[in-house]
């Protein structure tokens, strides 16, 4: 029993020493929410906008109608977190709402909507879809 315990302790110490000095890989940037509304205003964007301060949030939300701006503000407050920054981008304005999206965080933050499987032929009013993406501080 003593030898077995010594072996286990030795393996644990070896594992601890091997991982010392190595940093854990950072969490990737991710789309945390899509917010959509019919006739919400706004135009499609090619890059995301940083929402790190209340002033940045206010400036961004000014482009939307009051109802969509209110929905977005509530979502932004829920998704803001320590250790990173929230970004927003209009990813679609039209008849269809994308089922999801992915984010690339390099020099710019860019959100790309997933393709819609079955496109609607027409709609009474366009639907605005805004993606909220969280980018960790290490990126």
N, C-alpha and C. Protein backbone atom coordinates (compact mmCIF):
# COMPACT_ATOMS: atom_id res chain seq x y z
N UNK A 1 0.83 -1.19 0.00
CA UNK A 1 0.00 0.00 0.00
C UNK A 1 0.87 1.25 0.00
N UNK A 2 1.96 1.25 0.82
CA UNK A 2 2.84 2.40 0.90
C UNK A 2 3.52 2.69 -0.43
N UNK A 3 3.94 1.62 -1.14
CA UNK A 3 4.56 1.81 -2.45
C UNK A 3 3.57 2.38 -3.45
N UNK A 4 2.35 1.87 -3.40
CA UNK A 4 1.33 2.34 -4.33
C UNK A 4 1.03 3.81 -4.09
N UNK A 5 0.92 4.19 -2.83
CA UNK A 5 0.65 5.59 -2.49
C UNK A 5 1.82 6.46 -2.94
N UNK A 6 3.05 5.98 -2.71
CA UNK A 6 4.22 6.73 -3.16
C UNK A 6 4.26 6.91 -4.67
N UNK A 7 3.85 5.87 -5.40
CA UNK A 7 3.81 5.96 -6.86
C UNK A 7 2.78 6.98 -7.33
N UNK A 8 1.62 6.96 -6.68
CA UNK A 8 0.56 7.89 -7.04
C UNK A 8 1.01 9.32 -6.77
N UNK A 9 1.62 9.55 -5.63
CA UNK A 9 2.10 10.89 -5.29
C UNK A 9 3.17 11.33 -6.28
N UNK A 10 4.06 10.42 -6.65
CA UNK A 10 5.10 10.74 -7.62
C UNK A 10 4.53 11.13 -8.97
N UNK A 11 3.53 10.40 -9.43
CA UNK A 11 2.89 10.71 -10.71
C UNK A 11 2.22 12.07 -10.65
N UNK A 12 1.53 12.36 -9.55
CA UNK A 12 0.87 13.65 -9.40
C UNK A 12 1.88 14.80 -9.39
N UNK A 13 2.99 14.62 -8.70
CA UNK A 13 4.02 15.65 -8.67
C UNK A 13 4.62 15.85 -10.05
N UNK A 14 4.87 14.77 -10.75
CA UNK A 14 5.42 14.86 -12.10
C UNK A 14 4.45 15.60 -13.03
N UNK A 15 3.17 15.30 -12.92
CA UNK A 15 2.17 15.98 -13.75
C UNK A 15 2.10 17.46 -13.41
N UNK A 16 2.20 17.80 -12.13
CA UNK A 16 2.15 19.20 -11.72
C UNK A 16 3.37 19.95 -12.25
N UNK A 17 4.54 19.33 -12.19
CA UNK A 17 5.74 19.99 -12.68
C UNK A 17 5.71 20.15 -14.20
N UNK A 18 5.17 19.16 -14.89
CA UNK A 18 5.12 19.23 -16.34
C UNK A 18 4.21 20.34 -16.82
N UNK A 19 3.13 20.59 -16.07
CA UNK A 19 2.20 21.63 -16.53
C UNK A 19 2.56 23.01 -16.00
N UNK A 20 3.50 23.09 -15.06
CA UNK A 20 3.89 24.39 -14.53
C UNK A 20 4.54 25.23 -15.62
N UNK A 21 4.17 26.46 -15.71
CA UNK A 21 4.74 27.34 -16.72
C UNK A 21 3.97 27.34 -18.03
N UNK A 22 3.05 26.38 -18.17
CA UNK A 22 2.23 26.36 -19.37
C UNK A 22 0.92 27.06 -19.04
N UNK A 23 0.50 27.93 -19.92
CA UNK A 23 -0.76 28.62 -19.66
C UNK A 23 -1.90 27.83 -20.30
N UNK A 24 -3.04 27.90 -19.66
CA UNK A 24 -4.23 27.27 -20.20
C UNK A 24 -4.64 28.02 -21.46
N UNK A 25 -5.08 27.32 -22.48
CA UNK A 25 -5.53 28.03 -23.67
C UNK A 25 -6.76 28.87 -23.32
N UNK A 26 -6.83 30.04 -23.89
CA UNK A 26 -7.94 30.94 -23.59
C UNK A 26 -9.22 30.47 -24.23
N UNK A 27 -10.32 30.92 -23.66
CA UNK A 27 -11.61 30.59 -24.24
C UNK A 27 -11.76 31.33 -25.57
N UNK A 28 -12.37 30.69 -26.54
CA UNK A 28 -12.52 31.35 -27.83
C UNK A 28 -13.63 32.40 -27.79
N UNK A 29 -13.57 33.30 -28.75
CA UNK A 29 -14.67 34.24 -28.92
C UNK A 29 -15.90 33.44 -29.31
N UNK A 30 -17.07 33.88 -28.86
CA UNK A 30 -18.28 33.15 -29.20
C UNK A 30 -19.49 34.07 -29.32
N UNK A 31 -20.40 33.68 -30.20
CA UNK A 31 -21.67 34.38 -30.30
C UNK A 31 -22.52 33.89 -29.14
N UNK A 32 -22.97 34.81 -28.31
CA UNK A 32 -23.73 34.42 -27.13
C UNK A 32 -25.24 34.56 -27.31
N UNK A 33 -25.64 35.37 -28.28
CA UNK A 33 -27.07 35.56 -28.49
C UNK A 33 -27.36 36.24 -29.81
N UNK A 34 -28.47 35.85 -30.43
CA UNK A 34 -29.00 36.55 -31.59
C UNK A 34 -30.31 37.20 -31.14
N UNK A 35 -30.46 38.48 -31.43
CA UNK A 35 -31.68 39.21 -31.08
C UNK A 35 -32.30 39.68 -32.38
N UNK A 36 -33.57 39.30 -32.62
CA UNK A 36 -34.25 39.65 -33.87
C UNK A 36 -35.57 40.35 -33.59
N UNK A 37 -35.93 41.23 -34.53
CA UNK A 37 -37.23 41.88 -34.45
C UNK A 37 -37.65 42.38 -35.83
N UNK A 38 -38.92 42.22 -36.12
CA UNK A 38 -39.48 42.73 -37.37
C UNK A 38 -39.47 44.25 -37.32
N UNK A 39 -39.06 44.85 -38.43
CA UNK A 39 -39.02 46.32 -38.59
C UNK A 39 -38.23 46.99 -37.45
N UNK A 40 -37.10 46.38 -37.10
CA UNK A 40 -36.28 46.91 -36.01
C UNK A 40 -35.33 48.02 -36.41
N UNK A 41 -35.19 48.23 -37.72
CA UNK A 41 -34.26 49.27 -38.19
C UNK A 41 -32.85 48.72 -38.31
N UNK A 42 -31.93 49.61 -38.59
CA UNK A 42 -30.54 49.22 -38.74
C UNK A 42 -30.25 48.69 -40.13
N UNK A 43 -28.97 48.56 -40.43
CA UNK A 43 -28.50 48.05 -41.71
C UNK A 43 -27.45 46.98 -41.45
N UNK A 44 -27.27 46.09 -42.43
CA UNK A 44 -26.25 45.06 -42.30
C UNK A 44 -24.87 45.68 -42.09
N UNK A 45 -24.04 45.02 -41.32
CA UNK A 45 -22.69 45.52 -41.01
C UNK A 45 -21.65 44.46 -41.35
N UNK A 46 -20.46 44.90 -41.73
CA UNK A 46 -19.39 43.96 -42.09
C UNK A 46 -18.47 43.65 -40.92
N UNK A 47 -18.47 44.48 -39.90
CA UNK A 47 -17.69 44.22 -38.69
C UNK A 47 -18.53 44.54 -37.47
N UNK A 48 -18.12 44.00 -36.34
CA UNK A 48 -18.84 44.22 -35.09
C UNK A 48 -18.39 45.52 -34.42
N UNK A 49 -19.23 46.01 -33.52
CA UNK A 49 -18.96 47.23 -32.76
C UNK A 49 -18.75 46.87 -31.30
N UNK A 50 -17.71 47.40 -30.71
CA UNK A 50 -17.39 47.13 -29.31
C UNK A 50 -18.42 47.81 -28.40
N UNK A 51 -18.84 47.08 -27.36
CA UNK A 51 -19.81 47.60 -26.40
C UNK A 51 -19.25 47.52 -24.99
N UNK A 52 -18.09 48.11 -24.78
CA UNK A 52 -17.41 48.02 -23.49
C UNK A 52 -17.90 49.05 -22.47
N UNK A 53 -18.44 50.17 -22.94
CA UNK A 53 -18.88 51.23 -22.02
C UNK A 53 -20.35 51.54 -22.28
N UNK A 54 -20.98 52.21 -21.32
CA UNK A 54 -22.38 52.61 -21.49
C UNK A 54 -22.53 53.56 -22.67
N UNK A 55 -21.56 54.43 -22.89
CA UNK A 55 -21.61 55.37 -24.02
C UNK A 55 -21.57 54.61 -25.35
N UNK A 56 -20.73 53.57 -25.44
CA UNK A 56 -20.67 52.78 -26.67
C UNK A 56 -21.99 52.05 -26.91
N UNK A 57 -22.59 51.55 -25.85
CA UNK A 57 -23.89 50.87 -25.97
C UNK A 57 -24.94 51.86 -26.45
N UNK A 58 -25.01 53.04 -25.84
CA UNK A 58 -25.99 54.06 -26.22
C UNK A 58 -25.85 54.45 -27.69
N UNK A 59 -24.60 54.67 -28.12
CA UNK A 59 -24.35 55.04 -29.53
C UNK A 59 -24.81 53.94 -30.47
N UNK A 60 -24.51 52.71 -30.13
CA UNK A 60 -24.88 51.58 -30.99
C UNK A 60 -26.40 51.43 -31.07
N UNK A 61 -27.07 51.52 -29.94
CA UNK A 61 -28.52 51.30 -29.91
C UNK A 61 -29.32 52.42 -30.57
N UNK A 62 -28.73 53.57 -30.76
CA UNK A 62 -29.44 54.71 -31.36
C UNK A 62 -29.88 54.43 -32.79
N UNK A 63 -29.30 53.47 -33.46
CA UNK A 63 -29.64 53.18 -34.87
C UNK A 63 -30.90 52.34 -35.03
N UNK A 64 -31.42 51.80 -33.92
CA UNK A 64 -32.57 50.89 -33.98
C UNK A 64 -33.84 51.56 -33.47
N UNK A 65 -34.99 50.98 -33.81
CA UNK A 65 -36.24 51.51 -33.26
C UNK A 65 -36.26 51.22 -31.75
N UNK A 66 -37.13 51.92 -31.04
CA UNK A 66 -37.13 51.87 -29.57
C UNK A 66 -37.33 50.46 -29.02
N UNK A 67 -38.19 49.68 -29.66
CA UNK A 67 -38.48 48.34 -29.15
C UNK A 67 -37.28 47.40 -29.28
N UNK A 68 -36.63 47.40 -30.44
CA UNK A 68 -35.43 46.56 -30.62
C UNK A 68 -34.30 47.06 -29.73
N UNK A 69 -34.14 48.36 -29.61
CA UNK A 69 -33.09 48.91 -28.74
C UNK A 69 -33.29 48.45 -27.30
N UNK A 70 -34.54 48.41 -26.85
CA UNK A 70 -34.83 47.96 -25.48
C UNK A 70 -34.49 46.48 -25.31
N UNK A 71 -34.87 45.65 -26.30
CA UNK A 71 -34.54 44.22 -26.25
C UNK A 71 -33.02 44.01 -26.22
N UNK A 72 -32.33 44.79 -27.06
CA UNK A 72 -30.87 44.66 -27.11
C UNK A 72 -30.22 45.10 -25.81
N UNK A 73 -30.69 46.21 -25.25
CA UNK A 73 -30.12 46.70 -23.99
C UNK A 73 -30.25 45.64 -22.89
N UNK A 74 -31.42 45.01 -22.80
CA UNK A 74 -31.62 43.96 -21.79
C UNK A 74 -30.68 42.78 -22.04
N UNK A 75 -30.53 42.38 -23.29
CA UNK A 75 -29.63 41.27 -23.62
C UNK A 75 -28.18 41.63 -23.32
N UNK A 76 -27.79 42.85 -23.64
CA UNK A 76 -26.41 43.30 -23.38
C UNK A 76 -26.12 43.27 -21.89
N UNK A 77 -27.05 43.75 -21.08
CA UNK A 77 -26.85 43.75 -19.62
C UNK A 77 -26.70 42.33 -19.09
N UNK A 78 -27.43 41.39 -19.66
CA UNK A 78 -27.34 39.99 -19.22
C UNK A 78 -26.03 39.34 -19.65
N UNK A 79 -25.52 39.73 -20.80
CA UNK A 79 -24.36 39.04 -21.38
C UNK A 79 -23.02 39.68 -21.03
N UNK A 80 -23.03 40.91 -20.55
CA UNK A 80 -21.75 41.54 -20.18
C UNK A 80 -21.10 40.73 -19.08
N UNK A 81 -19.79 40.58 -19.17
CA UNK A 81 -19.10 39.80 -18.16
C UNK A 81 -17.68 40.26 -17.97
N UNK A 82 -17.12 39.83 -16.88
CA UNK A 82 -15.72 40.15 -16.58
C UNK A 82 -14.81 39.29 -17.47
N UNK A 83 -13.65 39.82 -17.74
CA UNK A 83 -12.66 39.05 -18.48
C UNK A 83 -12.79 39.12 -19.98
N UNK A 84 -13.62 40.03 -20.47
CA UNK A 84 -13.76 40.15 -21.90
C UNK A 84 -14.67 41.30 -22.28
N UNK A 85 -14.94 41.40 -23.56
CA UNK A 85 -15.73 42.51 -24.09
C UNK A 85 -16.85 41.97 -24.95
N UNK A 86 -18.00 42.61 -24.86
CA UNK A 86 -19.14 42.27 -25.69
C UNK A 86 -19.10 43.11 -26.96
N UNK A 87 -19.43 42.49 -28.09
CA UNK A 87 -19.46 43.15 -29.39
C UNK A 87 -20.83 42.88 -30.02
N UNK A 88 -21.28 43.76 -30.90
CA UNK A 88 -22.57 43.58 -31.57
C UNK A 88 -22.41 43.86 -33.06
N UNK A 89 -23.19 43.12 -33.85
CA UNK A 89 -23.17 43.32 -35.30
C UNK A 89 -24.53 42.92 -35.87
N UNK A 90 -25.08 43.77 -36.73
CA UNK A 90 -26.27 43.39 -37.49
C UNK A 90 -25.82 42.36 -38.52
N UNK A 91 -26.34 41.15 -38.41
CA UNK A 91 -25.91 40.08 -39.31
C UNK A 91 -26.92 39.78 -40.40
N UNK A 92 -28.15 40.30 -40.25
CA UNK A 92 -29.16 40.07 -41.28
C UNK A 92 -30.26 41.11 -41.17
N UNK A 93 -30.71 41.58 -42.32
CA UNK A 93 -31.91 42.41 -42.42
C UNK A 93 -32.66 41.87 -43.63
N UNK A 94 -33.80 41.24 -43.38
CA UNK A 94 -34.55 40.64 -44.48
C UNK A 94 -35.65 39.76 -43.94
N UNK A 95 -36.10 38.86 -44.78
CA UNK A 95 -37.23 38.00 -44.41
C UNK A 95 -36.81 36.86 -43.47
N UNK A 96 -35.56 36.48 -43.48
CA UNK A 96 -35.11 35.30 -42.75
C UNK A 96 -34.23 35.66 -41.55
N UNK A 97 -34.35 34.84 -40.52
CA UNK A 97 -33.51 34.97 -39.32
C UNK A 97 -32.50 33.83 -39.37
N UNK A 98 -31.22 34.13 -39.33
CA UNK A 98 -30.22 33.05 -39.36
C UNK A 98 -30.38 32.15 -38.12
N UNK A 99 -30.13 30.85 -38.28
CA UNK A 99 -30.28 29.93 -37.14
C UNK A 99 -29.16 30.06 -36.11
N UNK A 100 -28.07 30.69 -36.48
CA UNK A 100 -26.93 30.86 -35.59
C UNK A 100 -25.89 31.72 -36.28
N UNK A 101 -24.73 31.82 -35.66
CA UNK A 101 -23.65 32.62 -36.22
C UNK A 101 -22.34 32.19 -35.60
N UNK A 102 -21.25 32.57 -36.25
CA UNK A 102 -19.91 32.31 -35.70
C UNK A 102 -19.14 33.62 -35.70
N UNK A 103 -18.11 33.69 -34.88
CA UNK A 103 -17.36 34.93 -34.74
C UNK A 103 -15.88 34.67 -34.96
N UNK A 104 -15.23 35.62 -35.61
CA UNK A 104 -13.78 35.62 -35.79
C UNK A 104 -13.25 36.88 -35.10
N UNK A 105 -12.31 36.71 -34.22
CA UNK A 105 -11.71 37.85 -33.52
C UNK A 105 -10.23 37.90 -33.84
N UNK A 106 -9.88 38.71 -34.85
CA UNK A 106 -8.48 38.92 -35.20
C UNK A 106 -8.23 40.41 -35.04
N UNK A 107 -7.84 41.11 -36.10
CA UNK A 107 -7.69 42.57 -36.01
C UNK A 107 -9.05 43.22 -35.79
N UNK A 108 -10.06 42.74 -36.50
CA UNK A 108 -11.44 43.17 -36.32
C UNK A 108 -12.24 42.00 -35.78
N UNK A 109 -13.38 42.30 -35.19
CA UNK A 109 -14.31 41.25 -34.78
C UNK A 109 -15.38 41.19 -35.86
N UNK A 110 -15.56 40.00 -36.44
CA UNK A 110 -16.52 39.82 -37.53
C UNK A 110 -17.41 38.63 -37.18
N UNK A 111 -18.71 38.85 -37.27
CA UNK A 111 -19.68 37.79 -37.03
C UNK A 111 -20.28 37.39 -38.37
N UNK A 112 -20.30 36.09 -38.64
CA UNK A 112 -20.86 35.58 -39.89
C UNK A 112 -22.10 34.74 -39.57
N UNK A 113 -23.25 35.12 -40.16
CA UNK A 113 -24.46 34.34 -39.89
C UNK A 113 -24.40 32.97 -40.57
N UNK A 114 -25.00 31.98 -39.93
CA UNK A 114 -25.14 30.66 -40.55
C UNK A 114 -26.18 30.77 -41.66
N UNK A 115 -26.04 29.97 -42.71
CA UNK A 115 -27.02 30.03 -43.79
C UNK A 115 -28.40 29.56 -43.34
N UNK A 116 -29.41 30.16 -43.93
CA UNK A 116 -30.80 29.78 -43.66
C UNK A 116 -31.14 28.60 -44.56
N UNK A 117 -31.68 27.54 -43.98
CA UNK A 117 -31.96 26.32 -44.75
C UNK A 117 -33.06 26.53 -45.79
N UNK A 118 -34.12 27.18 -45.41
CA UNK A 118 -35.25 27.38 -46.32
C UNK A 118 -35.64 28.86 -46.30
N UNK A 119 -35.26 29.57 -47.33
CA UNK A 119 -35.51 31.01 -47.38
C UNK A 119 -36.97 31.30 -47.68
N UNK A 120 -37.51 32.33 -47.02
CA UNK A 120 -38.88 32.77 -47.27
C UNK A 120 -38.90 33.59 -48.56
N UNK A 121 -39.88 33.38 -49.42
CA UNK A 121 -39.91 34.10 -50.69
C UNK A 121 -40.23 35.58 -50.53
N UNK A 122 -40.99 35.95 -49.51
CA UNK A 122 -41.31 37.36 -49.30
C UNK A 122 -41.75 37.56 -47.86
N UNK A 123 -41.74 38.82 -47.45
CA UNK A 123 -42.18 39.16 -46.10
C UNK A 123 -42.81 40.54 -46.13
N UNK A 124 -43.64 40.83 -45.14
CA UNK A 124 -44.30 42.13 -45.07
C UNK A 124 -43.33 43.22 -44.63
N UNK A 125 -42.44 42.88 -43.72
CA UNK A 125 -41.45 43.85 -43.23
C UNK A 125 -40.17 43.08 -42.94
N UNK A 126 -39.02 43.71 -43.16
CA UNK A 126 -37.75 43.01 -42.90
C UNK A 126 -37.53 42.80 -41.40
N UNK A 127 -36.85 41.70 -41.12
CA UNK A 127 -36.47 41.37 -39.74
C UNK A 127 -35.00 41.73 -39.57
N UNK A 128 -34.71 42.48 -38.52
CA UNK A 128 -33.32 42.83 -38.19
C UNK A 128 -32.81 41.83 -37.17
N UNK A 129 -31.65 41.23 -37.43
CA UNK A 129 -31.03 40.29 -36.50
C UNK A 129 -29.66 40.83 -36.10
N UNK A 130 -29.47 40.98 -34.79
CA UNK A 130 -28.21 41.47 -34.23
C UNK A 130 -27.57 40.33 -33.44
N UNK A 131 -26.29 40.07 -33.73
CA UNK A 131 -25.54 39.06 -32.99
C UNK A 131 -24.75 39.76 -31.89
N UNK A 132 -24.79 39.19 -30.69
CA UNK A 132 -23.94 39.64 -29.60
C UNK A 132 -22.85 38.60 -29.42
N UNK A 133 -21.60 39.05 -29.46
CA UNK A 133 -20.46 38.15 -29.34
C UNK A 133 -19.59 38.57 -28.17
N UNK A 134 -19.10 37.58 -27.42
CA UNK A 134 -18.21 37.83 -26.29
C UNK A 134 -16.80 37.45 -26.71
N UNK A 135 -15.88 38.40 -26.57
CA UNK A 135 -14.48 38.16 -26.90
C UNK A 135 -13.66 38.26 -25.61
N UNK A 136 -13.04 37.13 -25.19
CA UNK A 136 -12.24 37.15 -23.98
C UNK A 136 -11.09 38.14 -24.06
N UNK A 137 -10.63 38.61 -22.93
CA UNK A 137 -9.58 39.61 -22.86
C UNK A 137 -8.26 39.13 -23.46
N UNK A 138 -8.02 37.83 -23.48
CA UNK A 138 -6.73 37.31 -23.99
C UNK A 138 -6.66 37.27 -25.50
N UNK A 139 -7.68 37.74 -26.19
CA UNK A 139 -7.66 37.70 -27.66
C UNK A 139 -7.44 39.08 -28.22
